[in-house]
N, C-alpha and C. Protein backbone atom coordinates (compact mmCIF):
# COMPACT_ATOMS: atom_id res chain seq x y z
N MET A 1 89.17 214.51 50.89
CA MET A 1 88.14 214.01 51.81
C MET A 1 88.77 213.37 53.06
N GLU A 2 89.87 212.65 52.87
CA GLU A 2 90.52 212.00 54.02
C GLU A 2 91.04 213.03 55.01
N ASN A 3 91.58 214.14 54.49
CA ASN A 3 92.06 215.20 55.39
C ASN A 3 90.90 215.83 56.15
N HIS A 4 89.78 216.00 55.46
CA HIS A 4 88.57 216.55 56.08
C HIS A 4 88.10 215.62 57.20
N ALA A 5 88.07 214.33 56.91
CA ALA A 5 87.63 213.35 57.90
C ALA A 5 88.59 213.30 59.09
N LYS A 6 89.86 213.38 58.81
CA LYS A 6 90.88 213.36 59.88
C LYS A 6 90.74 214.57 60.78
N LYS A 7 90.50 215.73 60.19
CA LYS A 7 90.34 216.96 60.96
C LYS A 7 89.12 216.87 61.87
N ILE A 8 88.04 216.32 61.35
CA ILE A 8 86.82 216.16 62.12
C ILE A 8 87.07 215.29 63.35
N LEU A 9 87.76 214.18 63.15
CA LEU A 9 88.05 213.27 64.25
C LEU A 9 88.93 213.93 65.30
N GLN A 10 89.90 214.70 64.85
CA GLN A 10 90.79 215.40 65.78
C GLN A 10 90.01 216.38 66.67
N ILE A 11 89.13 217.14 66.04
CA ILE A 11 88.33 218.13 66.79
C ILE A 11 87.39 217.43 67.77
N LEU A 12 86.75 216.36 67.31
CA LEU A 12 85.83 215.63 68.18
C LEU A 12 86.57 215.00 69.37
N ASN A 13 87.75 214.48 69.12
CA ASN A 13 88.55 213.90 70.19
C ASN A 13 88.86 214.92 71.27
N ARG A 14 89.14 216.14 70.85
CA ARG A 14 89.48 217.19 71.81
C ARG A 14 88.26 217.64 72.62
N ASN A 15 87.08 217.54 72.03
CA ASN A 15 85.89 218.09 72.66
C ASN A 15 85.01 217.07 73.39
N PHE A 16 85.28 215.79 73.21
CA PHE A 16 84.45 214.78 73.86
C PHE A 16 85.29 213.76 74.62
N LEU A 17 86.34 214.24 75.27
CA LEU A 17 87.16 213.39 76.12
C LEU A 17 86.76 213.60 77.57
N PRO A 18 87.02 212.63 78.47
CA PRO A 18 87.61 211.33 78.18
C PRO A 18 86.57 210.35 77.64
N LEU A 19 87.03 209.40 76.89
CA LEU A 19 86.14 208.40 76.32
C LEU A 19 86.12 207.19 77.25
N LYS A 20 84.96 206.91 77.79
CA LYS A 20 84.86 205.83 78.77
C LYS A 20 84.16 204.59 78.22
N TRP A 21 83.99 204.56 76.90
CA TRP A 21 83.17 203.49 76.34
C TRP A 21 83.93 202.67 75.31
N GLU A 22 85.23 202.47 75.52
CA GLU A 22 86.01 201.77 74.51
C GLU A 22 86.25 200.30 74.83
N LYS A 23 85.64 199.76 75.91
CA LYS A 23 85.79 198.35 76.20
C LYS A 23 85.03 197.51 75.17
N LYS A 24 85.60 196.36 74.81
CA LYS A 24 84.97 195.50 73.82
C LYS A 24 84.66 194.12 74.40
N ASP A 25 84.53 194.02 75.73
CA ASP A 25 84.33 192.72 76.36
C ASP A 25 82.94 192.56 76.97
N ARG A 26 81.98 193.33 76.49
CA ARG A 26 80.62 193.23 77.00
C ARG A 26 79.94 191.99 76.44
N ASP A 27 78.97 191.47 77.17
CA ASP A 27 78.29 190.25 76.77
C ASP A 27 77.47 190.49 75.50
N PRO A 28 77.69 189.69 74.47
CA PRO A 28 77.00 189.92 73.18
C PRO A 28 75.49 189.74 73.26
N PHE A 29 75.04 188.79 74.07
CA PHE A 29 73.59 188.59 74.19
C PHE A 29 72.93 189.81 74.83
N GLN A 30 73.54 190.35 75.87
CA GLN A 30 73.00 191.52 76.54
C GLN A 30 72.98 192.73 75.61
N ILE A 31 74.05 192.89 74.82
CA ILE A 31 74.10 193.98 73.85
C ILE A 31 73.00 193.81 72.81
N LEU A 32 72.80 192.58 72.36
CA LEU A 32 71.76 192.30 71.36
C LEU A 32 70.38 192.67 71.90
N ILE A 33 70.08 192.25 73.11
CA ILE A 33 68.77 192.55 73.69
C ILE A 33 68.59 194.05 73.88
N ALA A 34 69.61 194.73 74.37
CA ALA A 34 69.53 196.18 74.58
C ALA A 34 69.32 196.90 73.26
N THR A 35 69.95 196.43 72.20
CA THR A 35 69.82 197.07 70.89
C THR A 35 68.44 196.85 70.30
N ILE A 36 67.88 195.67 70.51
CA ILE A 36 66.51 195.42 70.06
C ILE A 36 65.55 196.35 70.79
N ILE A 37 65.74 196.52 72.08
CA ILE A 37 64.88 197.42 72.86
C ILE A 37 65.00 198.86 72.35
N SER A 38 66.20 199.24 71.92
CA SER A 38 66.45 200.63 71.52
C SER A 38 65.79 201.03 70.21
N GLN A 39 65.33 200.07 69.44
CA GLN A 39 64.75 200.37 68.14
C GLN A 39 63.50 201.26 68.30
N ASN A 40 63.53 202.42 67.64
CA ASN A 40 62.43 203.39 67.70
C ASN A 40 62.11 203.83 69.13
N THR A 41 63.15 203.93 69.95
CA THR A 41 62.98 204.29 71.35
C THR A 41 64.10 205.24 71.77
N SER A 42 63.80 206.21 72.60
CA SER A 42 64.82 207.15 73.07
C SER A 42 65.84 206.45 73.95
N ASP A 43 67.01 207.05 74.08
CA ASP A 43 68.07 206.47 74.92
C ASP A 43 67.60 206.31 76.36
N LYS A 44 66.90 207.32 76.87
CA LYS A 44 66.44 207.28 78.26
C LYS A 44 65.46 206.13 78.49
N ASN A 45 64.51 205.95 77.58
CA ASN A 45 63.53 204.89 77.75
C ASN A 45 64.13 203.51 77.48
N THR A 46 65.11 203.46 76.60
CA THR A 46 65.82 202.20 76.37
C THR A 46 66.52 201.74 77.64
N ALA A 47 67.22 202.68 78.27
CA ALA A 47 67.96 202.36 79.50
C ALA A 47 67.00 201.89 80.60
N LYS A 48 65.86 202.56 80.73
CA LYS A 48 64.90 202.20 81.75
C LYS A 48 64.30 200.83 81.48
N ALA A 49 63.93 200.57 80.24
CA ALA A 49 63.34 199.28 79.88
C ALA A 49 64.33 198.14 80.10
N TYR A 50 65.58 198.37 79.72
CA TYR A 50 66.59 197.33 79.92
C TYR A 50 66.83 197.10 81.41
N GLU A 51 66.84 198.17 82.17
CA GLU A 51 67.01 198.04 83.62
C GLU A 51 65.87 197.23 84.22
N ASN A 52 64.64 197.51 83.79
CA ASN A 52 63.49 196.76 84.27
C ASN A 52 63.63 195.27 83.96
N LEU A 53 64.05 194.99 82.72
CA LEU A 53 64.18 193.60 82.28
C LEU A 53 65.28 192.87 83.04
N SER A 54 66.41 193.53 83.21
CA SER A 54 67.55 192.88 83.86
C SER A 54 67.33 192.71 85.36
N LYS A 55 66.46 193.54 85.95
CA LYS A 55 66.13 193.36 87.37
C LYS A 55 65.15 192.20 87.55
N ARG A 56 64.28 192.02 86.57
CA ARG A 56 63.27 190.96 86.67
C ARG A 56 63.84 189.60 86.28
N PHE A 57 64.74 189.58 85.28
CA PHE A 57 65.28 188.32 84.79
C PHE A 57 66.81 188.34 84.74
N LYS A 58 67.41 187.19 84.93
CA LYS A 58 68.83 187.06 84.67
C LYS A 58 68.99 187.10 83.16
N MET A 59 69.92 187.92 82.67
CA MET A 59 70.01 188.16 81.23
C MET A 59 70.76 187.05 80.52
N LEU A 60 70.06 185.91 80.45
CA LEU A 60 70.57 184.73 79.75
C LEU A 60 69.50 184.26 78.78
N SER A 61 69.91 183.72 77.65
CA SER A 61 68.94 183.28 76.65
C SER A 61 68.02 182.19 77.20
N LYS A 62 68.55 181.28 78.02
CA LYS A 62 67.71 180.20 78.53
C LYS A 62 66.64 180.72 79.48
N VAL A 63 66.94 181.82 80.17
CA VAL A 63 65.97 182.42 81.08
C VAL A 63 64.87 183.15 80.31
N LEU A 64 65.28 184.00 79.36
CA LEU A 64 64.29 184.77 78.60
C LEU A 64 63.49 183.88 77.65
N ALA A 65 64.08 182.78 77.23
CA ALA A 65 63.36 181.86 76.35
C ALA A 65 62.18 181.22 77.06
N ASN A 66 62.28 181.09 78.37
CA ASN A 66 61.22 180.45 79.15
C ASN A 66 60.36 181.45 79.93
N ALA A 67 60.63 182.73 79.75
CA ALA A 67 59.87 183.76 80.45
C ALA A 67 58.49 183.93 79.83
N GLU A 68 57.56 184.36 80.65
CA GLU A 68 56.22 184.65 80.14
C GLU A 68 56.26 185.95 79.34
N ILE A 69 55.60 185.93 78.18
CA ILE A 69 55.55 187.13 77.33
C ILE A 69 55.01 188.33 78.11
N SER A 70 53.97 188.10 78.89
CA SER A 70 53.34 189.19 79.63
C SER A 70 54.31 189.84 80.61
N GLU A 71 55.21 189.05 81.19
CA GLU A 71 56.18 189.59 82.13
C GLU A 71 57.26 190.41 81.41
N ILE A 72 57.67 189.94 80.24
CA ILE A 72 58.63 190.70 79.43
C ILE A 72 58.00 192.01 78.99
N GLU A 73 56.74 191.94 78.55
CA GLU A 73 56.02 193.14 78.12
C GLU A 73 55.97 194.18 79.24
N GLU A 74 55.68 193.72 80.43
CA GLU A 74 55.57 194.64 81.56
C GLU A 74 56.88 195.39 81.78
N CYS A 75 58.00 194.72 81.61
CA CYS A 75 59.31 195.35 81.77
C CYS A 75 59.58 196.38 80.68
N LEU A 76 59.04 196.12 79.49
CA LEU A 76 59.37 196.96 78.33
C LEU A 76 58.35 198.05 78.03
N LYS A 77 57.35 198.20 78.88
CA LYS A 77 56.27 199.13 78.57
C LYS A 77 56.74 200.56 78.31
N VAL A 78 57.81 200.96 78.96
CA VAL A 78 58.32 202.32 78.78
C VAL A 78 58.91 202.52 77.38
N ALA A 79 59.25 201.42 76.72
CA ALA A 79 59.84 201.49 75.37
C ALA A 79 58.76 201.40 74.30
N GLY A 80 59.06 201.92 73.12
CA GLY A 80 58.12 201.85 72.01
C GLY A 80 57.97 200.43 71.50
N LEU A 81 56.79 200.12 70.98
CA LEU A 81 56.51 198.82 70.36
C LEU A 81 56.84 197.66 71.30
N TYR A 82 56.52 197.82 72.57
CA TYR A 82 56.98 196.86 73.58
C TYR A 82 56.40 195.46 73.39
N ARG A 83 55.19 195.35 72.89
CA ARG A 83 54.60 194.02 72.69
C ARG A 83 55.36 193.24 71.63
N ASN A 84 55.66 193.90 70.53
CA ASN A 84 56.40 193.25 69.46
C ASN A 84 57.82 192.90 69.93
N LYS A 85 58.45 193.81 70.65
CA LYS A 85 59.81 193.56 71.14
C LYS A 85 59.85 192.40 72.13
N ALA A 86 58.82 192.29 72.94
CA ALA A 86 58.76 191.18 73.89
C ALA A 86 58.71 189.84 73.15
N ARG A 87 57.90 189.78 72.10
CA ARG A 87 57.81 188.55 71.30
C ARG A 87 59.14 188.23 70.63
N VAL A 88 59.78 189.27 70.09
CA VAL A 88 61.06 189.08 69.41
C VAL A 88 62.12 188.58 70.40
N ILE A 89 62.16 189.19 71.58
CA ILE A 89 63.16 188.82 72.58
C ILE A 89 62.99 187.36 73.01
N LYS A 90 61.77 186.95 73.25
CA LYS A 90 61.53 185.56 73.63
C LYS A 90 61.91 184.60 72.50
N HIS A 91 61.48 184.94 71.28
CA HIS A 91 61.76 184.09 70.12
C HIS A 91 63.27 183.99 69.85
N ILE A 92 63.94 185.13 69.87
CA ILE A 92 65.36 185.15 69.57
C ILE A 92 66.16 184.43 70.66
N SER A 93 65.68 184.50 71.90
CA SER A 93 66.34 183.80 73.00
C SER A 93 66.25 182.29 72.80
N LYS A 94 65.09 181.81 72.34
CA LYS A 94 64.93 180.38 72.07
C LYS A 94 65.89 179.91 70.98
N ILE A 95 66.01 180.72 69.93
CA ILE A 95 66.89 180.35 68.82
C ILE A 95 68.35 180.33 69.26
N ILE A 96 68.76 181.34 70.00
CA ILE A 96 70.16 181.43 70.46
C ILE A 96 70.48 180.27 71.39
N GLU A 97 69.53 179.92 72.24
CA GLU A 97 69.75 178.80 73.16
C GLU A 97 69.89 177.49 72.40
N LYS A 98 69.05 177.31 71.39
CA LYS A 98 69.06 176.06 70.63
C LYS A 98 70.22 175.99 69.63
N LYS A 99 70.45 177.09 68.92
CA LYS A 99 71.45 177.08 67.84
C LYS A 99 72.87 177.33 68.32
N PHE A 100 73.02 178.17 69.34
CA PHE A 100 74.36 178.56 69.79
C PHE A 100 74.67 178.13 71.23
N GLY A 101 73.77 177.35 71.81
CA GLY A 101 73.99 176.93 73.18
C GLY A 101 74.00 178.10 74.15
N GLY A 102 73.29 179.16 73.77
CA GLY A 102 73.19 180.34 74.63
C GLY A 102 74.38 181.27 74.58
N ASP A 103 75.34 181.00 73.71
CA ASP A 103 76.56 181.80 73.68
C ASP A 103 76.87 182.25 72.25
N LEU A 104 76.71 183.55 72.00
CA LEU A 104 76.95 184.08 70.66
C LEU A 104 78.44 184.23 70.34
N LYS A 105 79.29 184.00 71.32
CA LYS A 105 80.72 184.21 71.10
C LYS A 105 81.29 183.27 70.04
N SER A 106 80.56 182.21 69.73
CA SER A 106 81.05 181.26 68.73
C SER A 106 81.16 181.89 67.35
N ILE A 107 80.42 182.99 67.11
CA ILE A 107 80.48 183.59 65.77
C ILE A 107 81.75 184.42 65.57
N THR A 108 82.50 184.66 66.64
CA THR A 108 83.72 185.46 66.50
C THR A 108 84.76 184.80 65.62
N CYS A 109 84.69 183.48 65.50
CA CYS A 109 85.68 182.77 64.68
C CYS A 109 85.33 182.83 63.20
N LEU A 110 84.16 183.33 62.89
CA LEU A 110 83.74 183.43 61.49
C LEU A 110 84.29 184.70 60.85
N PRO A 111 84.49 184.69 59.53
CA PRO A 111 84.84 185.93 58.83
C PRO A 111 83.76 186.98 59.06
N PHE A 112 84.14 188.24 58.97
CA PHE A 112 83.22 189.32 59.31
C PHE A 112 81.88 189.21 58.60
N GLU A 113 81.88 189.10 57.29
CA GLU A 113 80.62 189.08 56.54
C GLU A 113 79.77 187.89 56.92
N GLU A 114 80.40 186.77 57.22
CA GLU A 114 79.64 185.58 57.60
C GLU A 114 79.03 185.74 58.99
N SER A 115 79.79 186.32 59.90
CA SER A 115 79.26 186.54 61.25
C SER A 115 78.12 187.55 61.21
N ARG A 116 78.26 188.54 60.35
CA ARG A 116 77.19 189.55 60.19
C ARG A 116 75.93 188.91 59.61
N LYS A 117 76.11 188.08 58.61
CA LYS A 117 74.98 187.40 57.99
C LYS A 117 74.29 186.48 58.99
N THR A 118 75.09 185.80 59.82
CA THR A 118 74.54 184.90 60.82
C THR A 118 73.65 185.64 61.81
N LEU A 119 74.11 186.79 62.25
CA LEU A 119 73.31 187.60 63.17
C LEU A 119 72.03 188.10 62.51
N MET A 120 72.15 188.51 61.26
CA MET A 120 71.00 189.08 60.57
C MET A 120 69.95 188.03 60.20
N GLU A 121 70.28 186.77 60.37
CA GLU A 121 69.29 185.71 60.16
C GLU A 121 68.38 185.54 61.37
N LEU A 122 68.76 186.17 62.49
CA LEU A 122 67.95 186.12 63.69
C LEU A 122 66.77 187.09 63.56
N PRO A 123 65.60 186.75 64.09
CA PRO A 123 64.44 187.64 64.00
C PRO A 123 64.69 188.96 64.71
N GLY A 124 64.27 190.05 64.08
CA GLY A 124 64.43 191.37 64.69
C GLY A 124 65.81 191.97 64.58
N VAL A 125 66.71 191.30 63.86
CA VAL A 125 68.08 191.79 63.74
C VAL A 125 68.35 192.27 62.32
N GLY A 126 68.48 193.58 62.16
CA GLY A 126 68.82 194.15 60.87
C GLY A 126 70.29 194.53 60.86
N PRO A 127 70.72 195.24 59.84
CA PRO A 127 72.14 195.62 59.72
C PRO A 127 72.68 196.40 60.91
N LYS A 128 71.92 197.39 61.39
CA LYS A 128 72.44 198.20 62.50
C LYS A 128 72.61 197.38 63.77
N THR A 129 71.60 196.59 64.09
CA THR A 129 71.68 195.77 65.30
C THR A 129 72.85 194.79 65.21
N ALA A 130 73.02 194.16 64.06
CA ALA A 130 74.13 193.23 63.87
C ALA A 130 75.46 193.96 64.03
N ASP A 131 75.57 195.14 63.45
CA ASP A 131 76.82 195.89 63.52
C ASP A 131 77.13 196.34 64.95
N VAL A 132 76.10 196.70 65.71
CA VAL A 132 76.32 197.10 67.11
C VAL A 132 76.91 195.93 67.90
N VAL A 133 76.34 194.75 67.73
CA VAL A 133 76.85 193.57 68.44
C VAL A 133 78.27 193.25 68.00
N LEU A 134 78.53 193.29 66.71
CA LEU A 134 79.85 192.96 66.19
C LEU A 134 80.90 193.95 66.67
N LEU A 135 80.56 195.22 66.71
CA LEU A 135 81.52 196.24 67.12
C LEU A 135 81.73 196.25 68.63
N PHE A 136 80.64 196.32 69.38
CA PHE A 136 80.75 196.50 70.83
C PHE A 136 81.12 195.23 71.58
N ALA A 137 80.63 194.10 71.12
CA ALA A 137 80.93 192.85 71.83
C ALA A 137 82.21 192.19 71.34
N PHE A 138 82.47 192.29 70.04
CA PHE A 138 83.58 191.54 69.47
C PHE A 138 84.70 192.40 68.87
N GLY A 139 84.49 193.71 68.82
CA GLY A 139 85.52 194.57 68.26
C GLY A 139 85.73 194.36 66.76
N LYS A 140 84.68 193.91 66.08
CA LYS A 140 84.77 193.69 64.63
C LYS A 140 84.78 195.03 63.89
N PRO A 141 85.40 195.06 62.70
CA PRO A 141 85.56 196.32 61.96
C PRO A 141 84.30 196.78 61.23
N THR A 142 83.44 197.48 61.93
CA THR A 142 82.23 198.01 61.32
C THR A 142 81.79 199.26 62.06
N ILE A 143 81.05 200.13 61.39
CA ILE A 143 80.52 201.34 62.01
C ILE A 143 78.99 201.28 61.93
N PRO A 144 78.31 201.00 63.02
CA PRO A 144 76.85 201.01 63.01
C PRO A 144 76.34 202.41 62.69
N VAL A 145 75.28 202.46 61.89
CA VAL A 145 74.73 203.75 61.47
C VAL A 145 73.34 203.92 62.06
N ASP A 146 73.25 204.72 63.13
CA ASP A 146 71.93 205.06 63.67
C ASP A 146 71.50 206.41 63.12
N THR A 147 70.41 206.95 63.62
CA THR A 147 69.90 208.22 63.07
C THR A 147 70.88 209.37 63.30
N HIS A 148 71.56 209.37 64.46
CA HIS A 148 72.54 210.42 64.73
C HIS A 148 73.71 210.34 63.76
N VAL A 149 74.28 209.15 63.62
CA VAL A 149 75.44 208.96 62.75
C VAL A 149 75.09 209.33 61.32
N ASN A 150 73.94 208.90 60.85
CA ASN A 150 73.53 209.18 59.48
C ASN A 150 73.38 210.69 59.24
N ARG A 151 72.67 211.36 60.15
CA ARG A 151 72.42 212.79 60.01
C ARG A 151 73.72 213.60 60.07
N VAL A 152 74.53 213.32 61.08
CA VAL A 152 75.76 214.08 61.28
C VAL A 152 76.76 213.85 60.15
N ALA A 153 76.92 212.60 59.75
CA ALA A 153 77.87 212.28 58.68
C ALA A 153 77.49 212.96 57.37
N GLU A 154 76.18 213.03 57.10
CA GLU A 154 75.72 213.69 55.88
C GLU A 154 75.95 215.19 55.95
N ARG A 155 75.62 215.79 57.07
CA ARG A 155 75.81 217.24 57.22
C ARG A 155 77.28 217.62 57.14
N LEU A 156 78.15 216.76 57.62
CA LEU A 156 79.58 217.04 57.59
C LEU A 156 80.22 216.75 56.23
N GLY A 157 79.43 216.21 55.32
CA GLY A 157 79.94 215.92 53.98
C GLY A 157 80.82 214.69 53.93
N LEU A 158 80.67 213.79 54.91
CA LEU A 158 81.48 212.58 54.94
C LEU A 158 80.88 211.46 54.10
N VAL A 159 79.59 211.54 53.83
CA VAL A 159 78.90 210.49 53.08
C VAL A 159 77.98 211.13 52.05
N PRO A 160 77.58 210.38 51.02
CA PRO A 160 76.66 210.92 50.02
C PRO A 160 75.31 211.26 50.63
N LYS A 161 74.66 212.28 50.11
CA LYS A 161 73.33 212.65 50.60
C LYS A 161 72.32 211.57 50.24
N ASN A 162 71.43 211.30 51.18
CA ASN A 162 70.36 210.33 50.99
C ASN A 162 70.86 208.93 50.68
N GLY A 163 72.06 208.61 51.15
CA GLY A 163 72.59 207.26 50.93
C GLY A 163 71.89 206.25 51.82
N ASN A 164 71.82 205.00 51.36
CA ASN A 164 71.20 203.97 52.19
C ASN A 164 72.18 203.52 53.28
N TYR A 165 71.74 202.60 54.10
CA TYR A 165 72.55 202.18 55.24
C TYR A 165 73.95 201.74 54.84
N GLU A 166 74.01 200.84 53.86
CA GLU A 166 75.31 200.30 53.47
C GLU A 166 76.22 201.35 52.83
N THR A 167 75.62 202.26 52.09
CA THR A 167 76.41 203.32 51.48
C THR A 167 77.06 204.20 52.54
N VAL A 168 76.28 204.56 53.55
CA VAL A 168 76.79 205.41 54.62
C VAL A 168 77.85 204.67 55.42
N ARG A 169 77.57 203.43 55.77
CA ARG A 169 78.51 202.64 56.57
C ARG A 169 79.85 202.48 55.85
N LYS A 170 79.80 202.07 54.61
CA LYS A 170 81.03 201.81 53.86
C LYS A 170 81.78 203.10 53.54
N SER A 171 81.04 204.19 53.33
CA SER A 171 81.69 205.48 53.08
C SER A 171 82.48 205.93 54.30
N LEU A 172 81.87 205.81 55.47
CA LEU A 172 82.56 206.19 56.71
C LEU A 172 83.78 205.29 56.95
N GLN A 173 83.59 204.02 56.73
CA GLN A 173 84.68 203.08 56.98
C GLN A 173 85.86 203.30 56.04
N SER A 174 85.58 203.80 54.85
CA SER A 174 86.66 204.05 53.90
C SER A 174 87.52 205.25 54.31
N LEU A 175 86.97 206.09 55.20
CA LEU A 175 87.66 207.32 55.59
C LEU A 175 88.49 207.16 56.86
N TYR A 176 88.24 206.09 57.61
CA TYR A 176 88.91 205.92 58.89
C TYR A 176 89.55 204.55 59.01
N CYS A 177 90.52 204.45 59.90
CA CYS A 177 91.18 203.18 60.17
C CYS A 177 90.25 202.32 61.04
N PRO A 178 90.27 201.00 60.85
CA PRO A 178 89.40 200.12 61.63
C PRO A 178 89.52 200.31 63.14
N GLU A 179 90.73 200.61 63.62
CA GLU A 179 90.89 200.80 65.06
C GLU A 179 90.16 202.04 65.58
N ASP A 180 89.73 202.91 64.66
CA ASP A 180 89.01 204.12 65.07
C ASP A 180 87.50 203.99 64.89
N TYR A 181 87.01 202.86 64.39
CA TYR A 181 85.59 202.74 64.07
C TYR A 181 84.70 202.95 65.29
N LEU A 182 85.05 202.34 66.43
CA LEU A 182 84.24 202.51 67.63
C LEU A 182 84.24 203.96 68.07
N ARG A 183 85.39 204.58 68.05
CA ARG A 183 85.52 205.98 68.44
C ARG A 183 84.69 206.88 67.52
N VAL A 184 84.79 206.66 66.22
CA VAL A 184 84.04 207.46 65.25
C VAL A 184 82.54 207.32 65.50
N HIS A 185 82.10 206.09 65.67
CA HIS A 185 80.68 205.84 65.91
C HIS A 185 80.18 206.61 67.12
N LYS A 186 80.87 206.49 68.24
CA LYS A 186 80.41 207.13 69.47
C LYS A 186 80.56 208.65 69.43
N LEU A 187 81.62 209.14 68.80
CA LEU A 187 81.81 210.58 68.72
C LEU A 187 80.74 211.25 67.86
N LEU A 188 80.38 210.62 66.76
CA LEU A 188 79.34 211.19 65.91
C LEU A 188 77.98 211.19 66.63
N ILE A 189 77.73 210.15 67.42
CA ILE A 189 76.51 210.13 68.22
C ILE A 189 76.53 211.24 69.26
N SER A 190 77.67 211.40 69.93
CA SER A 190 77.80 212.46 70.94
C SER A 190 77.58 213.83 70.33
N LEU A 191 78.13 214.03 69.14
CA LEU A 191 77.95 215.31 68.45
C LEU A 191 76.48 215.53 68.10
N GLY A 192 75.83 214.49 67.62
CA GLY A 192 74.42 214.59 67.25
C GLY A 192 73.52 214.89 68.42
N ARG A 193 73.84 214.31 69.56
CA ARG A 193 73.01 214.54 70.75
C ARG A 193 73.20 215.95 71.31
N LYS A 194 74.44 216.43 71.30
CA LYS A 194 74.73 217.69 71.98
C LYS A 194 74.58 218.91 71.08
N TYR A 195 75.03 218.82 69.84
CA TYR A 195 75.04 219.99 68.96
C TYR A 195 74.25 219.81 67.66
N CYS A 196 74.55 218.74 66.94
CA CYS A 196 73.97 218.57 65.60
C CYS A 196 72.60 217.90 65.68
N LYS A 197 71.69 218.58 66.34
CA LYS A 197 70.35 218.03 66.56
C LYS A 197 69.55 218.02 65.25
N ALA A 198 68.56 217.18 65.21
CA ALA A 198 67.80 216.99 63.97
C ALA A 198 67.08 218.25 63.52
N LYS A 199 66.35 218.90 64.43
CA LYS A 199 65.51 220.03 64.02
C LYS A 199 66.19 221.39 64.22
N LYS A 200 66.91 221.55 65.31
CA LYS A 200 67.55 222.83 65.60
C LYS A 200 69.01 222.64 65.97
N PRO A 201 69.86 222.41 64.96
CA PRO A 201 71.28 222.22 65.25
C PRO A 201 71.91 223.47 65.85
N LEU A 202 72.77 223.29 66.83
CA LEU A 202 73.42 224.40 67.52
C LEU A 202 74.75 224.73 66.84
N CYS A 203 74.66 225.23 65.62
CA CYS A 203 75.85 225.45 64.80
C CYS A 203 76.82 226.47 65.42
N LEU A 204 76.28 227.51 66.04
CA LEU A 204 77.15 228.53 66.63
C LEU A 204 78.01 227.96 67.75
N GLU A 205 77.48 227.00 68.47
CA GLU A 205 78.19 226.41 69.59
C GLU A 205 79.02 225.20 69.20
N CYS A 206 78.75 224.62 68.06
CA CYS A 206 79.38 223.36 67.65
C CYS A 206 80.87 223.54 67.39
N PRO A 207 81.71 222.68 67.94
CA PRO A 207 83.16 222.78 67.73
C PRO A 207 83.57 222.49 66.28
N LEU A 208 82.67 221.93 65.51
CA LEU A 208 82.99 221.60 64.11
C LEU A 208 82.52 222.67 63.13
N ASN A 209 82.03 223.81 63.61
CA ASN A 209 81.52 224.81 62.68
C ASN A 209 82.61 225.38 61.77
N VAL A 210 83.87 225.19 62.15
CA VAL A 210 84.97 225.68 61.32
C VAL A 210 85.22 224.80 60.10
N VAL A 211 84.70 223.58 60.13
CA VAL A 211 84.93 222.66 59.01
C VAL A 211 83.63 222.10 58.40
N CYS A 212 82.48 222.44 58.99
CA CYS A 212 81.23 221.86 58.54
C CYS A 212 80.66 222.61 57.34
N PRO A 213 80.42 221.90 56.23
CA PRO A 213 79.86 222.55 55.03
C PRO A 213 78.38 222.91 55.16
N SER A 214 77.72 222.40 56.19
CA SER A 214 76.29 222.64 56.36
C SER A 214 75.97 223.64 57.46
N LYS A 215 76.99 224.24 58.03
CA LYS A 215 76.77 225.13 59.18
C LYS A 215 75.87 226.31 58.84
N LYS A 216 75.09 226.71 59.84
CA LYS A 216 74.24 227.88 59.72
C LYS A 216 74.61 228.81 60.87
N MET A 217 75.28 229.89 60.55
CA MET A 217 75.82 230.76 61.58
C MET A 217 74.96 231.98 61.89
N ALA A 218 73.85 232.11 61.17
CA ALA A 218 72.98 233.28 61.40
C ALA A 218 72.03 232.99 62.56
């Protein structure tokens, strides 16, 4: 299995270069808000909603904590479940301002599982959202599992079929070195968007069809 996983990473590296998303110094609060917006929302609409929000407000917890719900909603209308997300963003901003002084960087000194648990205690933050913040903002050793990662990893035989979030995450992490977690996460997403689509995967065009156990070449 390790050789299979290594081969997959090698092929993906060759086909999705250059990688421009390996910086780990992005603001954790901004990543958290963007990830909350992305829940049940397309990438395009997530980007638009976040752009609307960041143009209307300075992306600080103290600012969003005092913002009017109606104004946040207006920014997020392009995203799914925008009313609920607006409430969550305002509520979570108040908590972060009060509990962390507006700066989530304090959790970096905590052990991984404790920092993950701390994030997941915030409203609207589940395992994936916590993992995205930990990986992208702090470079912590975790692989967030979104719908693309879950689908692609299963089709490639890297994880058990119908595994839950933790099963998929830990299975992937067992196959790769921690320094490759960010790369693996983004490459699997790139593959899912371009070739390994949910309904009509482009197996004939996919660079992994030579190693994929689920390929359909007809």
